[in-house]
C-alpha atoms as a PDB file:
ATOM      1  CA  MET A   1     120.351  80.482  80.232  1.00  0.00           C
ATOM      2  CA  THR A   2     117.409  81.425  78.048  1.00  0.00           C
ATOM      3  CA  GLY A   3     115.526  79.202  74.894  1.00  0.00           C
ATOM      4  CA  SER A   4     112.492  79.650  73.361  1.00  0.00           C
ATOM      5  CA  SER A   5     109.081  77.970  73.291  1.00  0.00           C
ATOM      6  CA  ARG A   6     106.379  77.537  70.930  1.00  0.00           C
ATOM      7  CA  GLY A   7     103.404  76.721  73.286  1.00  0.00           C
ATOM      8  CA  GLU A   8     104.273  73.760  74.755  1.00  0.00           C
ATOM      9  CA  VAL A   9     102.810  72.052  77.499  1.00  0.00           C
ATOM     10  CA  ASN A  10     104.839  72.603  81.126  1.00  0.00           C
ATOM     11  CA  PRO A  11     103.651  69.810  83.470  1.00  0.00           C
ATOM     12  CA  GLY A  12     101.850  71.859  86.353  1.00  0.00           C
ATOM     13  CA  MET A  13     101.591  75.387  84.947  1.00  0.00           C
ATOM     14  CA  TRP A  14      99.749  76.974  82.245  1.00  0.00           C
ATOM     15  CA  ARG A  15     100.479  76.611  78.518  1.00  0.00           C
ATOM     16  CA  ARG A  16     103.381  78.492  77.760  1.00  0.00           C
ATOM     17  CA  GLU A  17     103.166  81.338  75.616  1.00  0.00           C
ATOM     18  CA  ALA A  18     105.015  81.721  72.072  1.00  0.00           C
ATOM     19  CA  GLY A  19     108.443  83.101  72.564  1.00  0.00           C
ATOM     20  CA  THR A  20     108.814  82.616  76.026  1.00  0.00           C
ATOM     21  CA  VAL A  21     112.439  82.922  77.685  1.00  0.00           C
ATOM     22  CA  MET A  22     113.588  80.818  80.175  1.00  0.00           C
ATOM     23  CA  ARG A  23     115.739  81.434  82.954  1.00  0.00           C
ATOM     24  CA  ARG A  24     117.566  80.145  85.535  1.00  0.00           C
ATOM     25  CA  ALA A  25     117.031  82.088  89.191  1.00  0.00           C
ATOM     26  CA  GLY A  26     118.899  85.547  88.976  1.00  0.00           C
ATOM     27  CA  THR A  27     121.752  86.388  91.552  1.00  0.00           C
ATOM     28  CA  LEU A  28     120.276  87.932  94.687  1.00  0.00           C
ATOM     29  CA  PRO A  29     120.727  92.207  95.318  1.00  0.00           C
ATOM     30  CA  GLU A  30     123.718  92.904  97.686  1.00  0.00           C
ATOM     31  CA  GLN A  31     122.330  94.188 100.905  1.00  0.00           C
ATOM     32  CA  PRO A  32     122.169  98.008 101.196  1.00  0.00           C
ATOM     33  CA  ALA A  33     123.592  98.395 104.651  1.00  0.00           C
ATOM     34  CA  ALA A  34     125.049  96.292 107.865  1.00  0.00           C
ATOM     35  CA  SER A  35     122.227  96.737 109.555  1.00  0.00           C
ATOM     36  CA  GLY A  36     119.481  96.615 106.753  1.00  0.00           C
ATOM     37  CA  ALA A  37     116.743  93.962 106.407  1.00  0.00           C
ATOM     38  CA  VAL A  38     115.350  94.786 103.518  1.00  0.00           C
ATOM     39  CA  VAL A  39     116.338  95.631  99.546  1.00  0.00           C
ATOM     40  CA  ALA A  40     113.929  95.868  96.832  1.00  0.00           C
ATOM     41  CA  GLU A  41     114.188  96.247  92.920  1.00  0.00           C
ATOM     42  CA  PHE A  42     112.037  96.715  89.789  1.00  0.00           C
ATOM     43  CA  ARG A  43     112.527  95.781  86.176  1.00  0.00           C
ATOM     44  CA  ILE A  44     110.012  95.207  83.359  1.00  0.00           C
ATOM     45  CA  VAL A  45     109.552  92.213  81.487  1.00  0.00           C
ATOM     46  CA  PRO A  46     110.139  92.749  77.858  1.00  0.00           C
ATOM     47  CA  ALA A  47     109.337  89.122  76.959  1.00  0.00           C
ATOM     48  CA  PRO A  48     107.232  86.072  78.479  1.00  0.00           C
ATOM     49  CA  THR A  49     109.618  84.947  81.069  1.00  0.00           C
ATOM     50  CA  GLU A  50     109.595  81.434  82.960  1.00  0.00           C
ATOM     51  CA  TRP A  51     111.924  80.922  85.837  1.00  0.00           C
ATOM     52  CA  ALA A  52     113.050  77.289  86.643  1.00  0.00           C
ATOM     53  CA  SER A  53     112.861  76.070  90.011  1.00  0.00           C
ATOM     54  CA  HIS A  54     115.132  77.642  92.490  1.00  0.00           C
ATOM     55  CA  SER A  55     115.016  78.866  96.272  1.00  0.00           C
ATOM     56  CA  HIS A  56     116.146  81.954  97.747  1.00  0.00           C
ATOM     57  CA  ARG A  57     118.270  82.281 101.197  1.00  0.00           C
ATOM     58  CA  LEU A  58     116.008  84.846 101.904  1.00  0.00           C
ATOM     59  CA  HIS A  59     112.285  85.612 102.039  1.00  0.00           C
ATOM     60  CA  GLU A  60     111.169  87.462  98.586  1.00  0.00           C
ATOM     61  CA  LEU A  61     107.971  89.223  98.038  1.00  0.00           C
ATOM     62  CA  VAL A  62     107.090  89.594  94.506  1.00  0.00           C
ATOM     63  CA  TRP A  63     104.460  91.638  92.652  1.00  0.00           C
ATOM     64  CA  VAL A  64     103.597  92.608  89.148  1.00  0.00           C
ATOM     65  CA  ARG A  65     101.695  95.438  87.481  1.00  0.00           C
ATOM     66  CA  GLY A  66     100.301  95.310  84.143  1.00  0.00           C
ATOM     67  CA  GLY A  67     100.461  91.876  84.039  1.00  0.00           C
ATOM     68  CA  THR A  68     100.974  88.530  86.034  1.00  0.00           C
ATOM     69  CA  LEU A  69     102.772  86.276  87.356  1.00  0.00           C
ATOM     70  CA  THR A  70     102.498  82.667  88.129  1.00  0.00           C
ATOM     71  CA  SER A  71     104.358  80.138  90.510  1.00  0.00           C
ATOM     72  CA  ARG A  72     104.313  76.924  91.126  1.00  0.00           C
ATOM     73  CA  VAL A  73     105.133  75.799  94.762  1.00  0.00           C
ATOM     74  CA  GLY A  74     105.003  71.562  95.189  1.00  0.00           C
ATOM     75  CA  ASP A  75     101.415  70.431  94.198  1.00  0.00           C
ATOM     76  CA  ARG A  76      99.979  74.324  94.111  1.00  0.00           C
ATOM     77  CA  VAL A  77     100.208  77.081  92.011  1.00  0.00           C
ATOM     78  CA  PHE A  78      99.791  80.676  92.775  1.00  0.00           C
ATOM     79  CA  THR A  79      98.261  83.307  90.680  1.00  0.00           C
ATOM     80  CA  VAL A  80      99.647  86.735  91.356  1.00  0.00           C
ATOM     81  CA  PHE A  81      97.418  90.170  89.976  1.00  0.00           C
ATOM     82  CA  GLU A  82      97.307  93.953  90.387  1.00  0.00           C
ATOM     83  CA  GLY A  83      97.079  94.362  94.127  1.00  0.00           C
ATOM     84  CA  GLN A  84      98.324  90.715  95.584  1.00  0.00           C
ATOM     85  CA  GLY A  85     101.413  89.933  96.077  1.00  0.00           C
ATOM     86  CA  LEU A  86     103.293  86.169  96.840  1.00  0.00           C
ATOM     87  CA  TRP A  87     105.541  85.939  99.931  1.00  0.00           C
ATOM     88  CA  MET A  88     108.246  83.316  98.721  1.00  0.00           C
ATOM     89  CA  PRO A  89     110.246  81.764 102.263  1.00  0.00           C
ATOM     90  CA  ALA A  90     113.523  81.193 102.153  1.00  0.00           C
ATOM     91  CA  GLY A  91     114.442  78.155 101.218  1.00  0.00           C
ATOM     92  CA  VAL A  92     111.443  77.009  99.713  1.00  0.00           C
ATOM     93  CA  VAL A  93     111.759  75.615  96.030  1.00  0.00           C
ATOM     94  CA  HIS A  94     109.223  77.469  93.637  1.00  0.00           C
ATOM     95  CA  ALA A  95     109.338  78.033  89.470  1.00  0.00           C
ATOM     96  CA  GLY A  96     107.344  81.301  88.336  1.00  0.00           C
ATOM     97  CA  ARG A  97     106.416  82.639  84.529  1.00  0.00           C
ATOM     98  CA  ALA A  98     105.559  86.572  84.299  1.00  0.00           C
ATOM     99  CA  THR A  99     103.596  87.990  81.115  1.00  0.00           C
ATOM    100  CA  GLU A 100     105.116  89.825  78.585  1.00  0.00           C
ATOM    101  CA  GLY A 101     105.339  93.766  79.730  1.00  0.00           C
ATOM    102  CA  ALA A 102     104.877  93.160  83.335  1.00  0.00           C
ATOM    103  CA  ARG A 103     106.312  95.547  85.572  1.00  0.00           C
ATOM    104  CA  PHE A 104     108.157  92.777  87.906  1.00  0.00           C
ATOM    105  CA  HIS A 105     109.093  94.078  91.437  1.00  0.00           C
ATOM    106  CA  ASP A 106     110.200  91.888  94.244  1.00  0.00           C
ATOM    107  CA  ALA A 107     111.934  92.753  97.852  1.00  0.00           C
ATOM    108  CA  PHE A 108     114.149  90.254  99.582  1.00  0.00           C
ATOM    109  CA  PHE A 109     114.024  90.191 103.354  1.00  0.00           C
ATOM    110  CA  THR A 110     116.932  89.171 105.412  1.00  0.00           C
ATOM    111  CA  PRO A 111     115.452  86.363 107.712  1.00  0.00           C
ATOM    112  CA  ASP A 112     117.243  87.076 110.854  1.00  0.00           C
ATOM    113  CA  ARG A 113     116.380  90.664 110.741  1.00  0.00           C
ATOM    114  CA  THR A 114     112.558  90.458 110.229  1.00  0.00           C
ATOM    115  CA  PRO A 115     110.607  90.259 113.218  1.00  0.00           C
ATOM    116  CA  PHE A 116     108.158  88.352 111.352  1.00  0.00           C
ATOM    117  CA  ALA A 117     107.807  84.959 109.507  1.00  0.00           C
ATOM    118  CA  PHE A 118     104.883  83.487 106.910  1.00  0.00           C
ATOM    119  CA  ALA A 119     105.903  79.802 107.151  1.00  0.00           C
ATOM    120  CA  GLU A 120     104.164  78.996 103.873  1.00  0.00           C
ATOM    121  CA  PRO A 121     103.807  81.164 100.784  1.00  0.00           C
ATOM    122  CA  GLN A 122     101.300  83.311 101.079  1.00  0.00           C
ATOM    123  CA  ALA A 123      99.294  86.188  98.770  1.00  0.00           C
ATOM    124  CA  ILE A 124     100.409  89.629 100.691  1.00  0.00           C
ATOM    125  CA  ALA A 125      97.852  92.740 100.087  1.00  0.00           C
ATOM    126  CA  MET A 126     100.222  95.419  98.419  1.00  0.00           C
ATOM    127  CA  THR A 127      98.696  98.582  99.666  1.00  0.00           C
ATOM    128  CA  PRO A 128      99.753 101.936  98.645  1.00  0.00           C
ATOM    129  CA  LEU A 129     101.925 102.320 101.424  1.00  0.00           C
ATOM    130  CA  LEU A 130     103.666  98.902 100.996  1.00  0.00           C
ATOM    131  CA  VAL A 131     104.475  99.852  97.620  1.00  0.00           C
ATOM    132  CA  SER A 132     105.539 103.463  97.812  1.00  0.00           C
ATOM    133  CA  LEU A 133     107.793 102.226 100.894  1.00  0.00           C
ATOM    134  CA  LEU A 134     108.968  99.127  98.865  1.00  0.00           C
ATOM    135  CA  ALA A 135     109.947 101.545  96.299  1.00  0.00           C
ATOM    136  CA  HIS A 136     111.773 103.528  98.429  1.00  0.00           C
ATOM    137  CA  LEU A 137     113.652 101.442  99.806  1.00  0.00           C
ATOM    138  CA  SER A 138     114.811 100.510  96.133  1.00  0.00           C
ATOM    139  CA  ARG A 139     116.747 103.657  96.075  1.00  0.00           C
ATOM    140  CA  THR A 140     120.409 103.388  96.606  1.00  0.00           C
ATOM    141  CA  ASP A 141     121.150 106.606  97.910  1.00  0.00           C
ATOM    142  CA  LEU A 142     119.548 106.373 100.956  1.00  0.00           C
ATOM    143  CA  ASP A 143     121.269 106.561 103.953  1.00  0.00           C
ATOM    144  CA  GLU A 144     121.295 103.850 106.912  1.00  0.00           C
ATOM    145  CA  ALA A 145     119.121 105.669 109.354  1.00  0.00           C
ATOM    146  CA  ALA A 146     116.228 106.255 106.458  1.00  0.00           C
ATOM    147  CA  ARG A 147     116.731 102.623 105.148  1.00  0.00           C
ATOM    148  CA  LEU A 148     116.093 101.187 108.995  1.00  0.00           C
ATOM    149  CA  ARG A 149     112.939 104.119 109.742  1.00  0.00           C
ATOM    150  CA  ALA A 150     111.579 102.901 106.095  1.00  0.00           C
ATOM    151  CA  GLU A 151     111.781  99.103 106.933  1.00  0.00           C
ATOM    152  CA  ALA A 152     109.974  99.411 110.449  1.00  0.00           C
ATOM    153  CA  VAL A 153     107.297 100.692 108.544  1.00  0.00           C
ATOM    154  CA  VAL A 154     107.323  97.705 106.231  1.00  0.00           C
ATOM    155  CA  PHE A 155     107.044  95.175 109.042  1.00  0.00           C
ATOM    156  CA  ASP A 156     104.332  97.231 110.451  1.00  0.00           C
ATOM    157  CA  VAL A 157     102.148  97.366 107.451  1.00  0.00           C
ATOM    158  CA  ILE A 158     102.630  94.075 105.385  1.00  0.00           C
ATOM    159  CA  ARG A 159      99.600  91.791 106.071  1.00  0.00           C
ATOM    160  CA  PRO A 160      98.088  88.212 104.396  1.00  0.00           C
ATOM    161  CA  SER A 161      95.523  89.506 101.601  1.00  0.00           C
ATOM    162  CA  GLU A 162      92.102  88.288 102.444  1.00  0.00           C
ATOM    163  CA  HIS A 163      92.311  86.398  99.045  1.00  0.00           C
ATOM    164  CA  GLN A 164      94.362  83.319  99.481  1.00  0.00           C
ATOM    165  CA  LEU A 165      94.075  81.710  96.084  1.00  0.00           C
ATOM    166  CA  ALA A 166      96.120  78.448  95.556  1.00  0.00           C
ATOM    167  CA  LEU A 167      95.359  75.720  93.134  1.00  0.00           C
ATOM    168  CA  GLN A 168      95.631  72.477  94.267  1.00  0.00           C
ATOM    169  CA  LEU A 169      96.674  70.123  92.105  1.00  0.00           C
ATOM    170  CA  PRO A 170      95.950  66.252  92.633  1.00  0.00           C
ATOM    171  CA  GLY A 171      99.303  64.484  92.621  1.00  0.00           C
ATOM    172  CA  ASP A 172      97.460  61.414  91.771  1.00  0.00           C
ATOM    173  CA  PRO A 173      98.829  60.028  89.149  1.00  0.00           C
ATOM    174  CA  ARG A 174      95.040  58.225  88.780  1.00  0.00           C
ATOM    175  CA  ILE A 175      93.450  61.907  87.467  1.00  0.00           C
ATOM    176  CA  ASP A 176      96.577  63.501  87.258  1.00  0.00           C
ATOM    177  CA  ALA A 177      96.399  63.375  83.196  1.00  0.00           C
ATOM    178  CA  VAL A 178      93.029  65.492  83.972  1.00  0.00           C
ATOM    179  CA  ALA A 179      94.597  67.976  85.281  1.00  0.00           C
ATOM    180  CA  GLU A 180      97.414  68.482  83.293  1.00  0.00           C
ATOM    181  CA  ALA A 181      94.882  68.267  80.168  1.00  0.00           C
ATOM    182  CA  LEU A 182      92.408  71.271  82.040  1.00  0.00           C
ATOM    183  CA  LEU A 183      95.402  73.140  83.010  1.00  0.00           C
ATOM    184  CA  ASN A 184      96.751  73.119  79.112  1.00  0.00           C
ATOM    185  CA  ASP A 185      93.167  73.956  77.876  1.00  0.00           C
ATOM    186  CA  PRO A 186      90.730  75.285  80.702  1.00  0.00           C
ATOM    187  CA  ALA A 187      87.676  75.626  77.937  1.00  0.00           C
ATOM    188  CA  ASP A 188      87.970  71.873  77.380  1.00  0.00           C
ATOM    189  CA  CYS A 189      84.133  70.997  78.720  1.00  0.00           C
ATOM    190  CA  ARG A 190      84.098  67.113  79.255  1.00  0.00           C
ATOM    191  CA  SER A 191      82.007  65.785  81.320  1.00  0.00           C
ATOM    192  CA  LEU A 192      82.753  63.890  84.768  1.00  0.00           C
ATOM    193  CA  GLU A 193      81.627  61.303  82.700  1.00  0.00           C
ATOM    194  CA  GLU A 194      83.618  61.586  79.822  1.00  0.00           C
ATOM    195  CA  TRP A 195      86.564  62.343  81.659  1.00  0.00           C
ATOM    196  CA  ALA A 196      86.202  58.376  83.545  1.00  0.00           C
ATOM    197  CA  ARG A 197      86.046  57.215  80.221  1.00  0.00           C
ATOM    198  CA  TRP A 198      88.996  58.949  78.681  1.00  0.00           C
ATOM    199  CA  LEU A 199      90.677  57.284  81.834  1.00  0.00           C
ATOM    200  CA  GLY A 200      89.005  54.230  81.510  1.00  0.00           C
ATOM    201  CA  SER A 201      88.233  54.429  85.145  1.00  0.00           C
ATOM    202  CA  SER A 202      84.521  55.206  86.631  1.00  0.00           C
ATOM    203  CA  GLU A 203      83.608  58.619  87.973  1.00  0.00           C
ATOM    204  CA  ARG A 204      83.216  57.281  91.617  1.00  0.00           C
ATOM    205  CA  THR A 205      86.930  56.965  91.541  1.00  0.00           C
ATOM    206  CA  VAL A 206      87.540  60.112  89.575  1.00  0.00           C
ATOM    207  CA  THR A 207      85.166  62.102  91.774  1.00  0.00           C
ATOM    208  CA  ARG A 208      86.653  60.031  95.093  1.00  0.00           C
ATOM    209  CA  ALA A 209      90.263  61.306  94.020  1.00  0.00           C
ATOM    210  CA  PHE A 210      89.714  64.693  93.482  1.00  0.00           C
ATOM    211  CA  ARG A 211      87.870  65.216  97.292  1.00  0.00           C
ATOM    212  CA  ARG A 212      90.907  63.121  99.060  1.00  0.00           C
ATOM    213  CA  THR A 213      93.851  65.363  97.216  1.00  0.00           C
ATOM    214  CA  THR A 214      91.917  68.702  96.325  1.00  0.00           C
ATOM    215  CA  GLY A 215      89.238  68.887  98.899  1.00  0.00           C
ATOM    216  CA  LEU A 216      87.139  69.627  96.162  1.00  0.00           C
ATOM    217  CA  SER A 217      84.666  67.701  93.379  1.00  0.00           C
ATOM    218  CA  PHE A 218      85.958  67.989  90.129  1.00  0.00           C
ATOM    219  CA  ALA A 219      83.607  70.764  89.220  1.00  0.00           C
ATOM    220  CA  GLN A 220      84.665  73.024  92.109  1.00  0.00           C
ATOM    221  CA  TRP A 221      88.394  72.252  90.842  1.00  0.00           C
ATOM    222  CA  ARG A 222      87.773  73.298  87.486  1.00  0.00           C
ATOM    223  CA  GLN A 223      85.597  76.058  88.434  1.00  0.00           C
ATOM    224  CA  MET A 224      88.721  77.208  90.499  1.00  0.00           C
ATOM    225  CA  LEU A 225      91.185  76.741  87.635  1.00  0.00           C
ATOM    226  CA  ARG A 226      89.034  78.797  85.322  1.00  0.00           C
ATOM    227  CA  VAL A 227      89.023  81.191  87.759  1.00  0.00           C
ATOM    228  CA  HIS A 228      93.097  81.465  88.280  1.00  0.00           C
ATOM    229  CA  ARG A 229      92.909  81.410  84.822  1.00  0.00           C
ATOM    230  CA  ALA A 230      90.545  84.513  84.559  1.00  0.00           C
ATOM    231  CA  LEU A 231      92.461  86.509  87.127  1.00  0.00           C
ATOM    232  CA  MET A 232      95.274  86.270  83.898  1.00  0.00           C
ATOM    233  CA  LEU A 233      93.651  86.846  81.118  1.00  0.00           C
ATOM    234  CA  LEU A 234      91.828  90.016  83.109  1.00  0.00           C
ATOM    235  CA  SER A 235      94.522  91.650  84.580  1.00  0.00           C
ATOM    236  CA  ASP A 236      96.428  91.003  81.025  1.00  0.00           C
ATOM    237  CA  GLY A 237      93.763  93.382  79.430  1.00  0.00           C
ATOM    238  CA  PHE A 238      91.140  91.126  78.040  1.00  0.00           C
ATOM    239  CA  ASP A 239      87.374  91.839  78.666  1.00  0.00           C
ATOM    240  CA  VAL A 240      84.925  90.046  80.003  1.00  0.00           C
ATOM    241  CA  MET A 241      82.957  88.605  77.321  1.00  0.00           C
ATOM    242  CA  SER A 242      86.774  87.115  75.396  1.00  0.00           C
ATOM    243  CA  VAL A 243      87.490  85.755  78.794  1.00  0.00           C
ATOM    244  CA  SER A 244      84.118  83.724  79.305  1.00  0.00           C
ATOM    245  CA  GLU A 245      84.948  82.520  75.353  1.00  0.00           C
ATOM    246  CA  ARG A 246      88.235  81.634  75.984  1.00  0.00           C
ATOM    247  CA  LEU A 247      87.132  79.316  79.091  1.00  0.00           C
ATOM    248  CA  GLY A 248      84.677  77.539  77.551  1.00  0.00           C
ATOM    249  CA  TYR A 249      81.540  79.177  79.035  1.00  0.00           C
ATOM    250  CA  ALA A 250      78.132  79.337  76.786  1.00  0.00           C
ATOM    251  CA  GLN A 251      77.859  83.383  77.516  1.00  0.00           C
ATOM    252  CA  PRO A 252      79.199  85.869  79.625  1.00  0.00           C
ATOM    253  CA  SER A 253      76.466  85.696  82.720  1.00  0.00           C
ATOM    254  CA  SER A 254      77.745  81.709  83.073  1.00  0.00           C
ATOM    255  CA  PHE A 255      81.179  82.887  83.419  1.00  0.00           C
ATOM    256  CA  ILE A 256      80.141  86.099  86.055  1.00  0.00           C
ATOM    257  CA  ALA A 257      78.136  83.765  88.370  1.00  0.00           C
ATOM    258  CA  ALA A 258      81.090  81.193  88.572  1.00  0.00           C
ATOM    259  CA  PHE A 259      83.740  84.229  89.305  1.00  0.00           C
ATOM    260  CA  ARG A 260      80.944  84.944  91.649  1.00  0.00           C
ATOM    261  CA  ARG A 261      81.023  81.725  93.533  1.00  0.00           C
ATOM    262  CA  VAL A 262      84.776  81.555  93.754  1.00  0.00           C
ATOM    263  CA  MET A 263      84.997  85.180  95.024  1.00  0.00           C
ATOM    264  CA  GLY A 264      82.362  86.485  96.434  1.00  0.00           C
ATOM    265  CA  THR A 265      82.006  89.223  93.888  1.00  0.00           C
ATOM    266  CA  THR A 266      81.806  90.135  89.926  1.00  0.00           C
ATOM    267  CA  PRO A 267      84.980  90.618  87.910  1.00  0.00           C
ATOM    268  CA  GLY A 268      84.143  94.282  87.693  1.00  0.00           C
ATOM    269  CA  ALA A 269      83.732  94.874  91.353  1.00  0.00           C
ATOM    270  CA  PHE A 270      86.736  92.558  92.181  1.00  0.00           C
ATOM    271  CA  PHE A 271      89.141  94.780  89.962  1.00  0.00           C
ATOM    272  CA  GLY A 272      87.521  97.602  90.444  1.00  0.00           C
ATOM    273  CA  ALA A 273      88.755  97.419  94.107  1.00  0.00           C
ATOM    274  CA  ALA A 274      92.129  95.961  93.657  1.00  0.00           C
ATOM    275  CA  ASP A 275      92.821  98.726  91.223  1.00  0.00           C
ATOM    276  CA  ALA A 276      91.393 101.131  94.001  1.00  0.00           C
ATOM    277  CA  ALA A 277      93.606  99.812  96.847  1.00  0.00           C
ATOM    278  CA  SER A 278      96.986  99.246  94.807  1.00  0.00           C
ATOM    279  CA  GLY A 279      96.019 103.225  93.503  1.00  0.00           C
ATOM    280  CA  ASP A 280      95.701 102.251  89.574  1.00  0.00           C
ATOM    281  CA  VAL A 281      93.014 103.255  87.073  1.00  0.00           C
ATOM    282  CA  ARG A 282      91.901 100.661  84.510  1.00  0.00           C
ATOM    283  CA  ASN A 283      89.456  98.951  83.192  1.00  0.00           C
ATOM    284  CA  PRO A 284      90.059  95.303  81.737  1.00  0.00           C
ATOM    285  CA  VAL A 285      86.731  93.731  82.471  1.00  0.00           C
ATOM    286  CA  SER A 286      84.162  95.959  79.950  1.00  0.00           C
ATOM    287  CA  GLY A 287      82.486  93.772  77.559  1.00  0.00           C
ATOM    288  CA  GLY A 288      79.591  92.253  78.962  1.00  0.00           C
ATOM    289  CA  GLU A 289      79.412  92.171  82.579  1.00  0.00           C
ATOM    290  CA  ASN A 290      76.188  93.191  84.744  1.00  0.00           C
ATOM    291  CA  ALA A 291      77.438  93.853  88.269  1.00  0.00           C
END
């Protein structure tokens, strides 16, 4: 099923881009061999695409290049950017969204033939070796022996990423409206006092609710949300100055400082390391950054 939207808000996710195509989950690819455990595939997303909530009977590893992927799992939002993938265990219900033109890759792992188990969704480091192996496994002309050799190396090299970024949504009716409003517009700069007044509540109640449900203060949670959104924008080619403006920062240096607090480094250094790890070369973060 497909359809289009014109900037609607999808609860618990970012605002949809105009022209978003809505899809149900596709059919799983066929197993390549009787004893094979992994099957990989690749496609280019021609338009902003959103997949409705679904689950798979196989484990899934998905990654993108030249764009971003956002996935909603329960009360968590994961952002997949260059150099990272997302592991989705079999049976876990999730929804996803990919930006226009993203090179969308996924690999499916048969649970009873996979000698490891990540029980929870988590980010995976997409090293050049792992990417090359999965590209090799996407071939349809591999004999069974070659496939099993490649799969064995995949099982040896697949590792969680050091950056495990998941935006925890509150899931508390007292403050959910604030979270949805900020997902809709991360540049909304209203203070805690103003948000509490908007809710007809007290600052103390809002603060306690954010701490209890997300483990973060309101200010920390909004900062984390903005960094998630920044990762998407930077991956999509926006420069630092444009991103800082879109996220409501008065100047790029304020945005860079906030990014550093969450990620431990500046946007330029972070994406430079990601590009080196993935073997890609690009420069989406020029325009006002001081490393």
